Amino acid sequence: MSEEQAATEGASKAYIATSGSYSAYCIRRVFLDEALADKFLADGLCDEIETFEITTTLPTAVAILRMDWHSPNTFNGRTVGESEHENVHREESAGQLACRHWVHRHGADSTLGASTTVIVEGHDHDRVRKVFSEQVAQAKAELGEPGAAG
């Protein structure tokens, strides 16, 4: 049995009947029986049923590495240099975040000025570093920066 299966074995669900949004958001009832929750919703006694897992074990936490790079840009007449950041935080493992990345290209009218941002994160730190390096090199090449791979 895998660690993830062991963590979810014996898990059940809670059905949360909610109404409203933002400051008017409230929980009307909590059900362990989905049919009762659905009837509560059908009777118009709430706006939505939210489903949550109930477990008898603590979730496994993993170290997520997040790396981001921001291209140099000019905004409001001020030039901001290139920057790179790295941090590690712990979060509950859902088992699927080995590595993912985003590349954002901002136009000159953006609050960030004309710039490119690369973000890579995941629990496979070696893969995150490799993908980060590749994505930053590609972004620099697209921007025509000196020393960029091309």
N, C-alpha and C. Protein backbone atom coordinates (compact mmCIF):
# COMPACT_ATOMS: atom_id res chain seq x y z
N MET A 1 0.85 -1.18 0.00
CA MET A 1 0.00 0.00 0.00
C MET A 1 0.90 1.24 0.00
N SER A 2 0.61 2.19 -0.91
CA SER A 2 1.41 3.41 -0.98
C SER A 2 1.12 4.31 0.21
N GLU A 3 2.03 5.26 0.43
CA GLU A 3 1.86 6.22 1.54
C GLU A 3 0.59 7.05 1.34
N GLU A 4 0.33 7.41 0.07
CA GLU A 4 -0.86 8.21 -0.22
C GLU A 4 -2.14 7.41 0.03
N GLN A 5 -2.14 6.11 -0.35
CA GLN A 5 -3.30 5.27 -0.10
C GLN A 5 -3.51 5.10 1.40
N ALA A 6 -2.43 4.92 2.15
CA ALA A 6 -2.54 4.77 3.60
C ALA A 6 -3.12 6.04 4.22
N ALA A 7 -2.74 7.20 3.70
CA ALA A 7 -3.22 8.47 4.25
C ALA A 7 -4.70 8.67 3.98
N THR A 8 -5.21 8.11 2.86
CA THR A 8 -6.61 8.31 2.53
C THR A 8 -7.49 7.15 2.96
N GLU A 9 -6.88 6.03 3.40
CA GLU A 9 -7.67 4.90 3.85
C GLU A 9 -8.44 5.32 5.10
N GLY A 10 -9.70 5.00 5.12
CA GLY A 10 -10.52 5.39 6.25
C GLY A 10 -10.99 6.83 6.13
N ALA A 11 -10.64 7.50 5.04
CA ALA A 11 -11.09 8.87 4.85
C ALA A 11 -12.55 8.86 4.45
N SER A 12 -13.26 9.85 4.88
CA SER A 12 -14.64 10.03 4.46
C SER A 12 -14.80 11.47 4.03
N LYS A 13 -16.00 11.82 3.63
CA LYS A 13 -16.23 13.16 3.14
C LYS A 13 -17.22 13.90 4.02
N ALA A 14 -17.04 15.19 4.08
CA ALA A 14 -18.01 16.08 4.73
C ALA A 14 -18.58 16.96 3.64
N TYR A 15 -19.87 17.20 3.71
CA TYR A 15 -20.56 18.02 2.73
C TYR A 15 -21.01 19.29 3.45
N ILE A 16 -20.42 20.41 3.06
CA ILE A 16 -20.63 21.67 3.75
C ILE A 16 -21.64 22.51 2.95
N ALA A 17 -22.78 22.80 3.57
CA ALA A 17 -23.81 23.62 2.94
C ALA A 17 -23.50 25.08 3.24
N THR A 18 -23.26 25.87 2.18
CA THR A 18 -22.87 27.27 2.37
C THR A 18 -23.82 28.21 1.64
N SER A 19 -23.80 29.46 2.08
CA SER A 19 -24.58 30.53 1.44
C SER A 19 -23.75 31.80 1.43
N GLY A 20 -24.07 32.68 0.49
CA GLY A 20 -23.43 33.99 0.44
C GLY A 20 -22.03 33.95 -0.12
N SER A 21 -21.40 35.13 -0.12
CA SER A 21 -20.02 35.26 -0.59
C SER A 21 -19.35 36.40 0.17
N TYR A 22 -18.03 36.38 0.15
CA TYR A 22 -17.21 37.38 0.82
C TYR A 22 -17.66 37.57 2.27
N SER A 23 -18.01 38.78 2.68
CA SER A 23 -18.35 39.02 4.09
C SER A 23 -19.70 38.41 4.46
N ALA A 24 -20.52 38.07 3.47
CA ALA A 24 -21.82 37.45 3.75
C ALA A 24 -21.76 35.92 3.68
N TYR A 25 -20.56 35.36 3.47
CA TYR A 25 -20.39 33.90 3.37
C TYR A 25 -20.65 33.26 4.73
N CYS A 26 -21.40 32.17 4.73
CA CYS A 26 -21.61 31.44 5.99
C CYS A 26 -21.84 29.96 5.72
N ILE A 27 -21.55 29.16 6.72
CA ILE A 27 -21.81 27.73 6.67
C ILE A 27 -23.17 27.50 7.33
N ARG A 28 -24.08 26.87 6.58
CA ARG A 28 -25.43 26.60 7.09
C ARG A 28 -25.50 25.28 7.87
N ARG A 29 -24.89 24.24 7.30
CA ARG A 29 -24.91 22.91 7.93
C ARG A 29 -23.70 22.12 7.43
N VAL A 30 -23.34 21.09 8.18
CA VAL A 30 -22.31 20.14 7.77
C VAL A 30 -22.97 18.76 7.79
N PHE A 31 -22.84 18.05 6.65
CA PHE A 31 -23.44 16.72 6.52
C PHE A 31 -22.36 15.68 6.27
N LEU A 32 -22.58 14.48 6.75
CA LEU A 32 -21.74 13.35 6.42
C LEU A 32 -22.40 12.51 5.32
N ASP A 33 -23.68 12.75 5.07
CA ASP A 33 -24.44 12.02 4.06
C ASP A 33 -24.69 12.94 2.86
N GLU A 34 -24.17 12.55 1.70
CA GLU A 34 -24.28 13.38 0.50
C GLU A 34 -25.73 13.59 0.08
N ALA A 35 -26.57 12.56 0.22
CA ALA A 35 -27.97 12.68 -0.18
C ALA A 35 -28.70 13.73 0.66
N LEU A 36 -28.41 13.77 1.96
CA LEU A 36 -29.03 14.79 2.83
C LEU A 36 -28.57 16.19 2.42
N ALA A 37 -27.29 16.32 2.11
CA ALA A 37 -26.76 17.62 1.68
C ALA A 37 -27.42 18.06 0.38
N ASP A 38 -27.57 17.13 -0.56
CA ASP A 38 -28.20 17.45 -1.84
C ASP A 38 -29.67 17.86 -1.65
N LYS A 39 -30.37 17.21 -0.73
CA LYS A 39 -31.76 17.57 -0.44
C LYS A 39 -31.83 18.96 0.18
N PHE A 40 -30.91 19.27 1.07
CA PHE A 40 -30.83 20.59 1.70
C PHE A 40 -30.67 21.67 0.63
N LEU A 41 -29.80 21.39 -0.35
CA LEU A 41 -29.58 22.31 -1.48
C LEU A 41 -30.83 22.40 -2.35
N ALA A 42 -31.43 21.26 -2.68
CA ALA A 42 -32.63 21.23 -3.53
C ALA A 42 -33.80 21.96 -2.88
N ASP A 43 -33.86 21.94 -1.55
CA ASP A 43 -34.93 22.63 -0.83
C ASP A 43 -34.68 24.14 -0.73
N GLY A 44 -33.56 24.61 -1.31
CA GLY A 44 -33.25 26.04 -1.31
C GLY A 44 -32.74 26.58 0.01
N LEU A 45 -32.23 25.71 0.85
CA LEU A 45 -31.78 26.14 2.18
C LEU A 45 -30.31 26.57 2.21
N CYS A 46 -29.64 26.47 1.05
CA CYS A 46 -28.26 26.94 0.93
C CYS A 46 -28.00 27.22 -0.55
N ASP A 47 -26.86 27.86 -0.83
CA ASP A 47 -26.51 28.19 -2.22
C ASP A 47 -25.65 27.13 -2.88
N GLU A 48 -24.86 26.42 -2.08
CA GLU A 48 -23.87 25.50 -2.64
C GLU A 48 -23.50 24.44 -1.61
N ILE A 49 -23.06 23.27 -2.12
CA ILE A 49 -22.51 22.21 -1.27
C ILE A 49 -21.03 22.08 -1.62
N GLU A 50 -20.16 22.27 -0.64
CA GLU A 50 -18.72 22.10 -0.83
C GLU A 50 -18.31 20.77 -0.19
N THR A 51 -17.49 20.00 -0.88
CA THR A 51 -17.07 18.69 -0.40
C THR A 51 -15.64 18.74 0.11
N PHE A 52 -15.41 18.20 1.30
CA PHE A 52 -14.08 18.14 1.90
C PHE A 52 -13.78 16.73 2.37
N GLU A 53 -12.52 16.32 2.23
CA GLU A 53 -12.07 15.03 2.72
C GLU A 53 -11.86 15.10 4.23
N ILE A 54 -12.30 14.09 4.93
CA ILE A 54 -12.02 13.97 6.37
C ILE A 54 -11.04 12.81 6.50
N THR A 55 -9.89 13.05 7.09
CA THR A 55 -8.90 12.00 7.25
C THR A 55 -8.57 11.81 8.72
N THR A 56 -7.99 10.67 9.01
CA THR A 56 -7.61 10.38 10.40
C THR A 56 -6.10 10.45 10.58
N THR A 57 -5.41 10.93 9.55
CA THR A 57 -3.95 11.07 9.64
C THR A 57 -3.56 12.46 9.17
N LEU A 58 -2.38 12.89 9.57
CA LEU A 58 -1.87 14.17 9.09
C LEU A 58 -1.37 14.00 7.66
N PRO A 59 -1.56 15.03 6.82
CA PRO A 59 -1.05 14.94 5.46
C PRO A 59 0.48 14.97 5.46
N THR A 60 1.06 14.42 4.42
CA THR A 60 2.51 14.46 4.25
C THR A 60 2.89 15.83 3.71
N ALA A 61 3.84 16.47 4.37
CA ALA A 61 4.30 17.77 3.89
C ALA A 61 5.60 17.57 3.12
N VAL A 62 5.75 18.29 2.04
CA VAL A 62 6.97 18.22 1.23
C VAL A 62 7.53 19.62 1.06
N ALA A 63 8.82 19.68 0.78
CA ALA A 63 9.49 20.96 0.55
C ALA A 63 9.32 21.34 -0.92
N ILE A 64 8.64 22.44 -1.17
CA ILE A 64 8.41 22.93 -2.53
C ILE A 64 9.43 24.04 -2.80
N LEU A 65 10.19 23.88 -3.86
CA LEU A 65 11.14 24.91 -4.28
C LEU A 65 10.45 25.79 -5.32
N ARG A 66 10.49 27.09 -5.09
CA ARG A 66 9.94 28.05 -6.05
C ARG A 66 11.06 28.99 -6.46
N MET A 67 11.25 29.12 -7.77
CA MET A 67 12.27 30.00 -8.31
C MET A 67 11.59 30.95 -9.28
N ASP A 68 11.95 32.24 -9.21
CA ASP A 68 11.40 33.17 -10.18
C ASP A 68 12.47 34.13 -10.67
N TRP A 69 12.32 34.55 -11.92
CA TRP A 69 13.25 35.45 -12.57
C TRP A 69 12.43 36.55 -13.24
N HIS A 70 12.90 37.79 -13.12
CA HIS A 70 12.23 38.93 -13.73
C HIS A 70 13.23 39.64 -14.63
N SER A 71 12.82 39.87 -15.86
CA SER A 71 13.70 40.56 -16.80
C SER A 71 13.85 42.02 -16.40
N PRO A 72 14.93 42.66 -16.87
CA PRO A 72 15.05 44.10 -16.64
C PRO A 72 13.88 44.80 -17.33
N ASN A 73 13.40 45.91 -16.77
CA ASN A 73 12.33 46.64 -17.42
C ASN A 73 12.38 48.11 -17.04
N THR A 74 11.65 48.90 -17.77
CA THR A 74 11.53 50.33 -17.47
C THR A 74 10.07 50.62 -17.23
N PHE A 75 9.79 51.25 -16.11
CA PHE A 75 8.42 51.60 -15.75
C PHE A 75 8.43 52.97 -15.12
N ASN A 76 7.55 53.83 -15.57
CA ASN A 76 7.48 55.22 -15.08
C ASN A 76 8.84 55.91 -15.15
N GLY A 77 9.57 55.65 -16.24
CA GLY A 77 10.85 56.30 -16.44
C GLY A 77 11.98 55.77 -15.58
N ARG A 78 11.73 54.73 -14.81
CA ARG A 78 12.74 54.17 -13.92
C ARG A 78 13.11 52.78 -14.42
N THR A 79 14.40 52.52 -14.53
CA THR A 79 14.85 51.21 -14.99
C THR A 79 15.09 50.31 -13.78
N VAL A 80 14.51 49.14 -13.86
CA VAL A 80 14.66 48.14 -12.81
C VAL A 80 15.48 46.99 -13.39
N GLY A 81 16.53 46.60 -12.70
CA GLY A 81 17.41 45.55 -13.20
C GLY A 81 16.80 44.16 -13.09
N GLU A 82 17.46 43.23 -13.69
CA GLU A 82 17.08 41.81 -13.65
C GLU A 82 17.13 41.33 -12.20
N SER A 83 16.21 40.45 -11.83
CA SER A 83 16.25 39.89 -10.48
C SER A 83 15.89 38.41 -10.51
N GLU A 84 16.41 37.70 -9.54
CA GLU A 84 16.17 36.26 -9.43
C GLU A 84 15.96 35.93 -7.95
N HIS A 85 14.95 35.11 -7.66
CA HIS A 85 14.64 34.76 -6.28
C HIS A 85 14.41 33.25 -6.17
N GLU A 86 14.69 32.73 -5.00
CA GLU A 86 14.49 31.31 -4.74
C GLU A 86 14.00 31.18 -3.30
N ASN A 87 12.98 30.37 -3.08
CA ASN A 87 12.58 30.07 -1.71
C ASN A 87 12.03 28.65 -1.63
N VAL A 88 12.06 28.11 -0.43
CA VAL A 88 11.55 26.77 -0.18
C VAL A 88 10.50 26.90 0.90
N HIS A 89 9.35 26.31 0.67
CA HIS A 89 8.31 26.28 1.69
C HIS A 89 7.72 24.87 1.75
N ARG A 90 7.11 24.56 2.85
CA ARG A 90 6.52 23.24 3.02
C ARG A 90 5.02 23.34 2.81
N GLU A 91 4.50 22.36 2.10
CA GLU A 91 3.05 22.32 1.91
C GLU A 91 2.60 20.88 1.81
N GLU A 92 1.32 20.70 1.99
CA GLU A 92 0.73 19.37 1.93
C GLU A 92 0.96 18.77 0.55
N SER A 93 1.36 17.52 0.52
CA SER A 93 1.62 16.84 -0.74
C SER A 93 0.34 16.23 -1.28
N ALA A 94 0.02 16.60 -2.51
CA ALA A 94 -1.08 15.94 -3.21
C ALA A 94 -0.51 14.94 -4.20
N GLY A 95 0.82 14.86 -4.25
CA GLY A 95 1.48 13.86 -5.07
C GLY A 95 1.68 14.20 -6.52
N GLN A 96 1.22 15.38 -6.98
CA GLN A 96 1.31 15.65 -8.41
C GLN A 96 2.23 16.81 -8.79
N LEU A 97 2.82 17.50 -7.84
CA LEU A 97 3.59 18.71 -8.18
C LEU A 97 5.08 18.43 -8.25
N ALA A 98 5.52 17.58 -9.19
CA ALA A 98 6.96 17.35 -9.37
C ALA A 98 7.60 18.63 -9.86
N CYS A 99 6.98 19.28 -10.86
CA CYS A 99 7.52 20.52 -11.40
C CYS A 99 6.48 21.14 -12.32
N ARG A 100 6.28 22.45 -12.19
CA ARG A 100 5.43 23.18 -13.13
C ARG A 100 6.03 24.56 -13.32
N HIS A 101 5.71 25.18 -14.46
CA HIS A 101 6.29 26.50 -14.72
C HIS A 101 5.31 27.41 -15.45
N TRP A 102 5.55 28.71 -15.31
CA TRP A 102 4.79 29.75 -15.99
C TRP A 102 5.77 30.74 -16.57
N VAL A 103 5.42 31.30 -17.71
CA VAL A 103 6.17 32.42 -18.29
C VAL A 103 5.14 33.51 -18.56
N HIS A 104 5.31 34.66 -17.92
CA HIS A 104 4.41 35.80 -18.11
C HIS A 104 5.13 36.88 -18.89
N ARG A 105 4.50 37.36 -19.94
CA ARG A 105 5.04 38.47 -20.71
C ARG A 105 4.11 39.65 -20.51
N HIS A 106 4.64 40.72 -19.92
CA HIS A 106 3.84 41.89 -19.59
C HIS A 106 4.07 42.98 -20.63
N GLY A 107 3.00 43.62 -21.06
CA GLY A 107 3.12 44.71 -22.01
C GLY A 107 3.59 45.99 -21.34
N ALA A 108 3.94 46.98 -22.14
CA ALA A 108 4.46 48.25 -21.61
C ALA A 108 3.45 48.95 -20.72
N ASP A 109 2.15 48.68 -20.92
CA ASP A 109 1.12 49.34 -20.12
C ASP A 109 0.82 48.59 -18.82
N SER A 110 1.50 47.50 -18.59
CA SER A 110 1.28 46.72 -17.36
C SER A 110 1.88 47.44 -16.16
N THR A 111 1.40 47.10 -14.97
CA THR A 111 1.95 47.70 -13.74
C THR A 111 3.41 47.31 -13.55
N LEU A 112 3.85 46.25 -14.23
CA LEU A 112 5.24 45.82 -14.14
C LEU A 112 6.10 46.40 -15.26
N GLY A 113 5.50 47.18 -16.15
CA GLY A 113 6.23 47.65 -17.32
C GLY A 113 6.44 46.50 -18.28
N ALA A 114 7.06 46.78 -19.43
CA ALA A 114 7.33 45.72 -20.41
C ALA A 114 8.38 44.80 -19.81
N SER A 115 7.97 43.58 -19.50
CA SER A 115 8.89 42.65 -18.86
C SER A 115 8.44 41.22 -19.05
N THR A 116 9.33 40.30 -18.69
CA THR A 116 9.03 38.87 -18.72
C THR A 116 9.35 38.30 -17.35
N THR A 117 8.48 37.43 -16.86
CA THR A 117 8.68 36.76 -15.58
C THR A 117 8.61 35.26 -15.82
N VAL A 118 9.56 34.53 -15.26
CA VAL A 118 9.58 33.07 -15.33
C VAL A 118 9.44 32.56 -13.90
N ILE A 119 8.49 31.64 -13.68
CA ILE A 119 8.28 31.05 -12.36
C ILE A 119 8.27 29.53 -12.53
N VAL A 120 9.06 28.84 -11.71
CA VAL A 120 9.10 27.38 -11.73
C VAL A 120 9.03 26.91 -10.28
N GLU A 121 8.19 25.90 -10.02
CA GLU A 121 8.11 25.37 -8.66
C GLU A 121 7.81 23.89 -8.69
N GLY A 122 8.16 23.20 -7.60
CA GLY A 122 7.87 21.78 -7.49
C GLY A 122 8.68 21.14 -6.39
N HIS A 123 8.37 19.87 -6.10
CA HIS A 123 9.09 19.16 -5.03
C HIS A 123 10.31 18.42 -5.55
N ASP A 124 10.45 18.27 -6.86
CA ASP A 124 11.65 17.67 -7.45
C ASP A 124 12.63 18.82 -7.71
N HIS A 125 13.44 19.16 -6.70
CA HIS A 125 14.30 20.35 -6.76
C HIS A 125 15.28 20.33 -7.92
N ASP A 126 15.85 19.18 -8.25
CA ASP A 126 16.78 19.11 -9.38
C ASP A 126 16.06 19.45 -10.68
N ARG A 127 14.88 18.90 -10.84
CA ARG A 127 14.09 19.17 -12.05
C ARG A 127 13.68 20.64 -12.11
N VAL A 128 13.28 21.21 -10.96
CA VAL A 128 12.91 22.63 -10.92
C VAL A 128 14.09 23.48 -11.38
N ARG A 129 15.28 23.22 -10.84
CA ARG A 129 16.46 24.00 -11.22
C ARG A 129 16.78 23.86 -12.72
N LYS A 130 16.65 22.65 -13.26
CA LYS A 130 16.92 22.41 -14.69
C LYS A 130 15.91 23.15 -15.56
N VAL A 131 14.63 23.00 -15.25
CA VAL A 131 13.58 23.67 -16.04
C VAL A 131 13.72 25.19 -15.91
N PHE A 132 14.04 25.67 -14.71
CA PHE A 132 14.22 27.10 -14.48
C PHE A 132 15.34 27.64 -15.37
N SER A 133 16.47 26.95 -15.36
CA SER A 133 17.62 27.37 -16.16
C SER A 133 17.25 27.41 -17.64
N GLU A 134 16.56 26.39 -18.12
CA GLU A 134 16.15 26.33 -19.53
C GLU A 134 15.17 27.45 -19.88
N GLN A 135 14.18 27.68 -19.02
CA GLN A 135 13.16 28.68 -19.29
C GLN A 135 13.72 30.10 -19.25
N VAL A 136 14.64 30.37 -18.31
CA VAL A 136 15.26 31.69 -18.23
C VAL A 136 16.13 31.92 -19.47
N ALA A 137 16.91 30.91 -19.88
CA ALA A 137 17.74 31.03 -21.08
C ALA A 137 16.87 31.31 -22.30
N GLN A 138 15.74 30.62 -22.41
CA GLN A 138 14.85 30.83 -23.54
C GLN A 138 14.25 32.23 -23.51
N ALA A 139 13.84 32.69 -22.33
CA ALA A 139 13.26 34.04 -22.21
C ALA A 139 14.29 35.10 -22.57
N LYS A 140 15.53 34.92 -22.10
CA LYS A 140 16.60 35.88 -22.42
C LYS A 140 16.87 35.89 -23.93
N ALA A 141 16.86 34.72 -24.56
CA ALA A 141 17.09 34.64 -26.00
C ALA A 141 15.98 35.37 -26.75
N GLU A 142 14.74 35.20 -26.30
CA GLU A 142 13.60 35.87 -26.95
C GLU A 142 13.69 37.38 -26.78
N LEU A 143 14.26 37.81 -25.65
CA LEU A 143 14.43 39.24 -25.39
C LEU A 143 15.68 39.80 -26.06
N GLY A 144 16.53 38.91 -26.61
CA GLY A 144 17.75 39.33 -27.27
C GLY A 144 18.80 39.83 -26.30
N GLU A 145 18.80 39.31 -25.08
CA GLU A 145 19.78 39.74 -24.09
C GLU A 145 21.14 39.17 -24.41
N PRO A 146 22.21 39.95 -24.18
CA PRO A 146 23.56 39.43 -24.40
C PRO A 146 23.84 38.23 -23.49
N GLY A 147 24.55 37.27 -24.02
CA GLY A 147 24.92 36.10 -23.22
C GLY A 147 23.83 35.05 -23.13
N ALA A 148 22.68 35.31 -23.76
CA ALA A 148 21.59 34.35 -23.72
C ALA A 148 21.86 33.26 -24.74
N ALA A 149 21.38 32.05 -24.39
CA ALA A 149 21.50 30.93 -25.34
C ALA A 149 20.61 31.24 -26.52
N GLY A 150 21.08 30.94 -27.71
CA GLY A 150 20.23 31.27 -28.87
C GLY A 150 20.42 30.37 -29.99
